[in-house]
Protein backbone atom coordinates (compact mmCIF):
# COMPACT_ATOMS: atom_id res chain seq x y z
CA MET A 1 -29.63 -1.56 -1.43
CA THR A 2 -30.26 0.65 -4.43
CA ARG A 3 -28.82 -0.07 -7.85
CA ALA A 4 -26.46 2.91 -7.54
CA THR A 5 -25.20 1.65 -4.18
CA LYS A 6 -24.55 -1.81 -5.62
CA ALA A 7 -22.72 -0.24 -8.56
CA TRP A 8 -20.64 1.88 -6.18
CA ALA A 9 -19.72 -1.22 -4.15
CA MET A 10 -18.76 -3.05 -7.34
CA LEU A 11 -16.59 -0.14 -8.44
CA LEU A 12 -14.88 -0.14 -5.04
CA ALA A 13 -14.19 -3.86 -5.30
CA LEU A 14 -12.83 -3.56 -8.84
CA SER A 15 -10.64 -0.61 -7.81
CA ALA A 16 -9.32 -2.61 -4.86
CA ALA A 17 -8.50 -5.48 -7.20
CA SER A 18 -6.63 -3.06 -9.48
CA THR A 19 -4.67 -1.82 -6.49
CA VAL A 20 -3.76 -5.37 -5.49
CA PHE A 21 -2.46 -6.07 -8.99
CA ALA A 22 -0.49 -2.81 -9.06
CA ALA A 23 1.10 -3.58 -5.67
CA SER A 24 1.86 -7.19 -6.58
CA GLY A 25 5.13 -6.42 -8.29
CA LEU A 26 3.98 -7.74 -11.65
CA THR A 27 5.19 -5.92 -14.74
CA GLY A 28 4.55 -5.93 -18.46
CA PRO A 29 1.69 -7.92 -19.92
CA ALA A 30 1.19 -9.85 -16.66
CA LEU A 31 0.11 -6.55 -15.09
CA ALA A 32 -1.43 -4.82 -18.10
CA LEU A 33 -3.90 -7.54 -19.10
CA PRO A 34 -5.72 -7.93 -15.76
CA ILE A 35 -5.75 -4.15 -15.27
CA LEU A 36 -7.30 -3.71 -18.72
CA MET A 37 -9.96 -6.30 -17.93
CA LEU A 38 -10.80 -4.59 -14.65
CA ALA A 39 -10.96 -1.21 -16.38
CA GLY A 40 -13.39 -2.64 -18.94
CA LEU A 41 -15.61 -4.02 -16.19
CA LYS A 42 -15.56 -0.68 -14.39
CA ALA A 43 -16.51 1.15 -17.58
CA HIS A 44 -19.39 -1.28 -18.14
CA VAL A 45 -20.72 -0.72 -14.61
CA ILE A 46 -20.55 3.05 -15.04
CA LEU A 47 -22.28 2.95 -18.42
CA ARG A 48 -24.97 0.55 -17.25
CA ASP A 49 -25.78 1.89 -13.82
CA TYR A 50 -24.70 5.51 -13.60
CA LEU A 51 -25.41 6.63 -17.15
CA GLY A 52 -28.60 4.57 -17.28
CA LEU A 53 -27.87 2.54 -20.40
CA SER A 54 -29.52 -0.48 -18.81
CA VAL A 55 -32.78 0.87 -20.26
CA ALA A 56 -31.22 1.13 -23.73
CA PRO A 57 -29.67 -2.30 -24.34
CA GLY A 58 -28.75 -1.52 -27.94
CA TRP A 59 -26.66 1.47 -26.90
CA LEU A 60 -25.10 -0.50 -24.06
CA ARG A 61 -24.09 -3.30 -26.45
CA GLY A 62 -22.64 -0.72 -28.83
CA PHE A 63 -20.56 0.89 -26.11
CA ASP A 64 -19.50 -2.52 -24.82
CA LEU A 65 -18.37 -3.50 -28.31
CA GLY A 66 -16.37 -0.28 -28.67
CA LEU A 67 -14.79 -0.81 -25.25
CA ALA A 68 -13.97 -4.42 -26.04
CA LEU A 69 -12.25 -3.42 -29.29
CA LEU A 70 -10.28 -0.72 -27.48
CA ILE A 71 -9.22 -3.11 -24.71
CA ILE A 72 -8.24 -5.80 -27.24
CA THR A 73 -6.15 -3.20 -29.10
CA PHE A 74 -4.41 -2.14 -25.88
CA ALA A 75 -3.88 -5.78 -24.89
CA GLY A 76 -2.27 -6.43 -28.27
CA LEU A 77 0.04 -3.48 -27.73
CA ALA A 78 0.91 -4.74 -24.25
CA LEU A 79 1.70 -8.21 -25.60
CA ALA A 80 3.83 -6.76 -28.41
CA ASP A 81 6.10 -5.15 -25.82
């Protein structure tokens, strides 16, 4: 299996998990927080494997930090609801 195929399979699994959460009937922060985590993981897989940042670990860490700050901000907004 190539790296791109493994990344694609991971993205499918994470998307399926998002669908399960969305169909679960959860609302508010109980739904938003796991969906945000899954979205962050999906973004990391795309950055690492499809955009090739695995060969530039400094850039990958920078993007991961930016994504983490964005997700934490959104999680705080979801919890403030």
